[in-house]
């Protein structure tokens, strides 16, 4: 049952549904996408010029989403970060918030 529902729901349907449930909190925008053969420089330019944090990678005739490139991931490719740095930092902050 869940598998059939998951295969029929499009990203735009999901975004429209969540936007209507949180009316007034934001608007639905067309997802920003790139292809598997897009140049990384082009993806970085799109992230910066569109002021977005993620780009969905699409493939095939129906532009099926096959991945996501996030701004954080791109930055991490150019800046050294010790192993588990983000998880340790955010995990610690989250534990503090939950314990209050």
N, C-alpha and C. Protein backbone atom coordinates (compact mmCIF):
# COMPACT_ATOMS: atom_id res chain seq x y z
N UNK A 1 0.82 -1.19 0.00
CA UNK A 1 0.00 0.00 0.00
C UNK A 1 0.86 1.26 0.00
N UNK A 2 1.81 1.33 0.93
CA UNK A 2 2.68 2.49 1.01
C UNK A 2 3.50 2.65 -0.26
N UNK A 3 3.99 1.54 -0.81
CA UNK A 3 4.81 1.60 -2.02
C UNK A 3 4.02 2.19 -3.18
N UNK A 4 2.78 1.77 -3.37
CA UNK A 4 1.94 2.29 -4.46
C UNK A 4 1.69 3.78 -4.26
N UNK A 5 1.42 4.18 -3.06
CA UNK A 5 1.17 5.60 -2.76
C UNK A 5 2.43 6.42 -3.01
N UNK A 6 3.58 5.90 -2.61
CA UNK A 6 4.84 6.59 -2.78
C UNK A 6 5.18 6.76 -4.25
N UNK A 7 4.86 5.78 -5.08
CA UNK A 7 5.17 5.85 -6.50
C UNK A 7 4.25 6.81 -7.26
N UNK A 8 3.06 7.07 -6.72
CA UNK A 8 2.11 7.93 -7.42
C UNK A 8 2.22 9.40 -7.01
N UNK A 9 2.78 9.67 -5.85
CA UNK A 9 2.87 11.04 -5.34
C UNK A 9 4.05 11.75 -5.98
N UNK A 10 3.79 12.88 -6.62
CA UNK A 10 4.88 13.66 -7.21
C UNK A 10 5.41 14.66 -6.18
N UNK A 11 6.60 15.17 -6.44
CA UNK A 11 7.19 16.16 -5.55
C UNK A 11 6.29 17.39 -5.49
N UNK A 12 5.78 17.83 -6.64
CA UNK A 12 4.92 19.01 -6.66
C UNK A 12 3.63 18.77 -5.88
N UNK A 13 3.04 17.57 -5.99
CA UNK A 13 1.85 17.24 -5.19
C UNK A 13 2.16 17.33 -3.70
N UNK A 14 3.29 16.76 -3.32
CA UNK A 14 3.70 16.79 -1.91
C UNK A 14 3.88 18.23 -1.43
N UNK A 15 4.59 19.03 -2.23
CA UNK A 15 4.83 20.42 -1.84
C UNK A 15 3.53 21.21 -1.77
N UNK A 16 2.62 20.98 -2.69
CA UNK A 16 1.33 21.67 -2.67
C UNK A 16 0.53 21.29 -1.44
N UNK A 17 0.53 20.00 -1.10
CA UNK A 17 -0.20 19.53 0.07
C UNK A 17 0.35 20.13 1.35
N UNK A 18 1.67 20.12 1.48
CA UNK A 18 2.26 20.66 2.71
C UNK A 18 2.10 22.17 2.77
N UNK A 19 2.12 22.84 1.62
CA UNK A 19 1.93 24.29 1.62
C UNK A 19 0.50 24.65 2.02
N UNK A 20 -0.48 23.87 1.56
CA UNK A 20 -1.87 24.17 1.93
C UNK A 20 -2.11 23.88 3.40
N UNK A 21 -1.39 22.91 3.95
CA UNK A 21 -1.53 22.59 5.37
C UNK A 21 -0.88 23.65 6.25
N UNK A 22 0.07 24.38 5.69
CA UNK A 22 0.76 25.44 6.44
C UNK A 22 0.54 26.78 5.75
N UNK A 23 -0.69 27.03 5.35
CA UNK A 23 -1.03 28.23 4.60
C UNK A 23 -0.53 29.49 5.29
N UNK A 24 0.04 30.38 4.53
CA UNK A 24 0.56 31.63 5.06
C UNK A 24 2.01 31.54 5.48
N UNK A 25 2.55 30.33 5.57
CA UNK A 25 3.94 30.17 6.00
C UNK A 25 4.90 30.23 4.81
N UNK A 26 4.40 30.10 3.62
CA UNK A 26 5.29 30.11 2.47
C UNK A 26 4.51 29.79 1.22
N UNK A 27 5.21 29.85 0.12
CA UNK A 27 4.55 29.54 -1.15
C UNK A 27 5.26 28.38 -1.82
N UNK A 28 4.53 27.71 -2.69
CA UNK A 28 5.10 26.59 -3.43
C UNK A 28 5.84 27.14 -4.64
N UNK A 29 7.06 26.72 -4.80
CA UNK A 29 7.83 27.12 -5.97
C UNK A 29 8.22 25.86 -6.74
N UNK A 30 8.45 26.03 -8.00
CA UNK A 30 8.88 24.91 -8.84
C UNK A 30 10.25 24.44 -8.34
N UNK A 31 10.43 23.14 -8.11
CA UNK A 31 11.73 22.66 -7.64
C UNK A 31 12.84 22.96 -8.64
N UNK A 32 14.01 23.29 -8.13
CA UNK A 32 15.18 23.54 -8.97
C UNK A 32 15.83 22.19 -9.25
N UNK A 33 16.09 21.91 -10.52
CA UNK A 33 16.64 20.62 -10.91
C UNK A 33 17.86 20.77 -11.79
N UNK A 34 18.61 19.69 -11.89
CA UNK A 34 19.70 19.58 -12.86
C UNK A 34 19.70 18.15 -13.38
N UNK A 35 20.45 17.91 -14.44
CA UNK A 35 20.56 16.57 -15.03
C UNK A 35 21.81 15.88 -14.53
N UNK A 36 21.88 14.59 -14.73
CA UNK A 36 23.06 13.82 -14.32
C UNK A 36 24.34 14.32 -15.00
N UNK A 37 24.21 14.86 -16.21
CA UNK A 37 25.41 15.32 -16.92
C UNK A 37 25.67 16.82 -16.77
N UNK A 38 24.97 17.49 -15.84
CA UNK A 38 25.22 18.91 -15.60
C UNK A 38 26.61 19.09 -14.99
N UNK A 39 27.29 20.16 -15.39
CA UNK A 39 28.62 20.46 -14.85
C UNK A 39 28.47 20.98 -13.41
N UNK A 40 29.41 20.61 -12.55
CA UNK A 40 29.37 21.05 -11.16
C UNK A 40 29.38 22.57 -11.06
N UNK A 41 30.13 23.23 -11.94
CA UNK A 41 30.16 24.70 -11.94
C UNK A 41 28.79 25.28 -12.19
N UNK A 42 28.04 24.66 -13.06
CA UNK A 42 26.68 25.10 -13.36
C UNK A 42 25.77 24.92 -12.14
N UNK A 43 25.93 23.80 -11.45
CA UNK A 43 25.13 23.53 -10.26
C UNK A 43 25.45 24.55 -9.17
N UNK A 44 26.74 24.84 -8.96
CA UNK A 44 27.15 25.84 -7.97
C UNK A 44 26.58 27.21 -8.32
N UNK A 45 26.65 27.56 -9.60
CA UNK A 45 26.09 28.84 -10.05
C UNK A 45 24.59 28.91 -9.76
N UNK A 46 23.87 27.84 -10.02
CA UNK A 46 22.43 27.80 -9.77
C UNK A 46 22.14 27.92 -8.28
N UNK A 47 22.89 27.19 -7.44
CA UNK A 47 22.70 27.29 -5.99
C UNK A 47 22.84 28.74 -5.53
N UNK A 48 23.87 29.42 -6.04
CA UNK A 48 24.14 30.80 -5.62
C UNK A 48 23.14 31.79 -6.21
N UNK A 49 22.86 31.68 -7.49
CA UNK A 49 22.00 32.67 -8.14
C UNK A 49 20.53 32.54 -7.76
N UNK A 50 20.09 31.32 -7.46
CA UNK A 50 18.69 31.10 -7.09
C UNK A 50 18.49 31.16 -5.57
N UNK A 51 19.60 31.31 -4.83
CA UNK A 51 19.55 31.38 -3.37
C UNK A 51 18.83 30.18 -2.77
N UNK A 52 19.20 28.97 -3.25
CA UNK A 52 18.60 27.74 -2.75
C UNK A 52 19.66 26.90 -2.06
N UNK A 53 19.22 25.94 -1.27
CA UNK A 53 20.13 25.09 -0.52
C UNK A 53 20.23 23.68 -1.09
N UNK A 54 19.35 23.37 -2.07
CA UNK A 54 19.40 22.03 -2.66
C UNK A 54 18.91 22.09 -4.10
N UNK A 55 19.45 21.17 -4.90
CA UNK A 55 19.03 21.00 -6.28
C UNK A 55 18.75 19.52 -6.47
N UNK A 56 17.60 19.21 -7.04
CA UNK A 56 17.21 17.82 -7.28
C UNK A 56 17.78 17.36 -8.61
N UNK A 57 18.42 16.20 -8.61
CA UNK A 57 19.01 15.62 -9.81
C UNK A 57 17.95 14.72 -10.45
N UNK A 58 17.65 14.98 -11.72
CA UNK A 58 16.61 14.22 -12.42
C UNK A 58 17.21 13.49 -13.62
N UNK A 59 16.54 12.40 -14.00
CA UNK A 59 16.99 11.60 -15.15
C UNK A 59 15.79 10.93 -15.79
N UNK A 60 15.99 10.49 -17.02
CA UNK A 60 14.94 9.75 -17.72
C UNK A 60 13.94 10.66 -18.41
N UNK A 61 13.02 10.02 -19.12
CA UNK A 61 12.02 10.76 -19.89
C UNK A 61 11.03 11.51 -19.01
N UNK A 62 10.81 10.99 -17.82
CA UNK A 62 9.84 11.61 -16.92
C UNK A 62 10.51 12.47 -15.84
N UNK A 63 11.80 12.76 -16.00
CA UNK A 63 12.55 13.55 -15.02
C UNK A 63 12.38 13.01 -13.61
N UNK A 64 12.62 11.71 -13.46
CA UNK A 64 12.54 11.06 -12.15
C UNK A 64 13.68 11.58 -11.27
N UNK A 65 13.38 11.91 -10.03
CA UNK A 65 14.41 12.38 -9.10
C UNK A 65 15.28 11.19 -8.71
N UNK A 66 16.60 11.34 -8.98
CA UNK A 66 17.53 10.26 -8.69
C UNK A 66 18.55 10.66 -7.61
N UNK A 67 18.49 11.91 -7.18
CA UNK A 67 19.42 12.38 -6.15
C UNK A 67 19.18 13.83 -5.79
N UNK A 68 19.94 14.29 -4.81
CA UNK A 68 19.87 15.68 -4.35
C UNK A 68 21.28 16.16 -4.11
N UNK A 69 21.58 17.35 -4.59
CA UNK A 69 22.87 17.99 -4.29
C UNK A 69 22.56 19.16 -3.38
N UNK A 70 23.17 19.14 -2.19
CA UNK A 70 22.93 20.23 -1.23
C UNK A 70 24.10 21.19 -1.21
N UNK A 71 23.81 22.42 -0.82
CA UNK A 71 24.85 23.43 -0.69
C UNK A 71 25.90 22.97 0.32
N UNK A 72 25.46 22.37 1.40
CA UNK A 72 26.38 21.91 2.43
C UNK A 72 27.33 20.85 1.88
N UNK A 73 26.81 19.96 1.06
CA UNK A 73 27.67 18.92 0.49
C UNK A 73 28.70 19.53 -0.46
N UNK A 74 28.29 20.48 -1.27
CA UNK A 74 29.23 21.13 -2.19
C UNK A 74 30.33 21.84 -1.40
N UNK A 75 29.94 22.57 -0.36
CA UNK A 75 30.92 23.28 0.46
C UNK A 75 31.88 22.29 1.12
N UNK A 76 31.35 21.16 1.59
CA UNK A 76 32.20 20.18 2.27
C UNK A 76 33.24 19.57 1.33
N UNK A 77 33.02 19.65 0.04
CA UNK A 77 34.00 19.16 -0.93
C UNK A 77 35.22 20.06 -1.01
N UNK A 78 35.08 21.32 -0.58
CA UNK A 78 36.16 22.29 -0.69
C UNK A 78 36.76 22.70 0.65
N UNK A 79 36.08 22.40 1.74
CA UNK A 79 36.55 22.79 3.07
C UNK A 79 36.68 21.54 3.92
N UNK A 80 37.82 21.39 4.57
CA UNK A 80 38.04 20.22 5.42
C UNK A 80 37.19 20.34 6.69
N UNK A 81 36.56 19.24 7.02
CA UNK A 81 35.77 19.16 8.25
C UNK A 81 36.13 17.84 8.91
N UNK A 82 36.53 17.87 10.18
CA UNK A 82 36.88 16.61 10.84
C UNK A 82 35.73 15.61 10.80
N UNK A 83 36.02 14.33 10.78
CA UNK A 83 34.96 13.32 10.74
C UNK A 83 33.94 13.53 11.87
N UNK A 84 32.67 13.42 11.54
CA UNK A 84 31.54 13.53 12.48
C UNK A 84 31.40 14.91 13.12
N UNK A 85 32.09 15.91 12.59
CA UNK A 85 32.02 17.26 13.18
C UNK A 85 30.58 17.77 13.22
N UNK A 86 29.89 17.72 12.09
CA UNK A 86 28.53 18.25 12.03
C UNK A 86 27.60 17.44 12.92
N UNK A 87 27.70 16.12 12.86
CA UNK A 87 26.84 15.26 13.68
C UNK A 87 27.09 15.49 15.16
N UNK A 88 28.36 15.60 15.54
CA UNK A 88 28.68 15.83 16.95
C UNK A 88 28.16 17.19 17.41
N UNK A 89 28.34 18.21 16.60
CA UNK A 89 27.90 19.56 16.97
C UNK A 89 26.38 19.64 17.05
N UNK A 90 25.70 19.22 16.00
CA UNK A 90 24.24 19.31 15.99
C UNK A 90 23.61 18.31 16.96
N UNK A 91 24.21 17.14 17.07
CA UNK A 91 23.70 16.15 18.00
C UNK A 91 23.77 16.65 19.43
N UNK A 92 24.86 17.31 19.78
CA UNK A 92 25.03 17.87 21.13
C UNK A 92 24.00 18.97 21.37
N UNK A 93 23.82 19.87 20.41
CA UNK A 93 22.86 20.96 20.55
C UNK A 93 21.44 20.42 20.66
N UNK A 94 21.11 19.40 19.89
CA UNK A 94 19.78 18.82 19.92
C UNK A 94 19.52 18.15 21.27
N UNK A 95 20.51 17.44 21.80
CA UNK A 95 20.36 16.81 23.11
C UNK A 95 20.10 17.86 24.19
N UNK A 96 20.81 19.00 24.11
CA UNK A 96 20.60 20.09 25.06
C UNK A 96 19.18 20.61 24.98
N UNK A 97 18.67 20.79 23.76
CA UNK A 97 17.32 21.31 23.58
C UNK A 97 16.27 20.33 24.11
N UNK A 98 16.48 19.04 23.87
CA UNK A 98 15.52 18.04 24.30
C UNK A 98 15.52 17.83 25.82
N UNK A 99 16.65 18.10 26.44
CA UNK A 99 16.75 17.91 27.89
C UNK A 99 16.21 19.09 28.68
N UNK A 100 15.87 20.16 28.02
CA UNK A 100 15.35 21.35 28.74
C UNK A 100 13.88 21.24 28.98
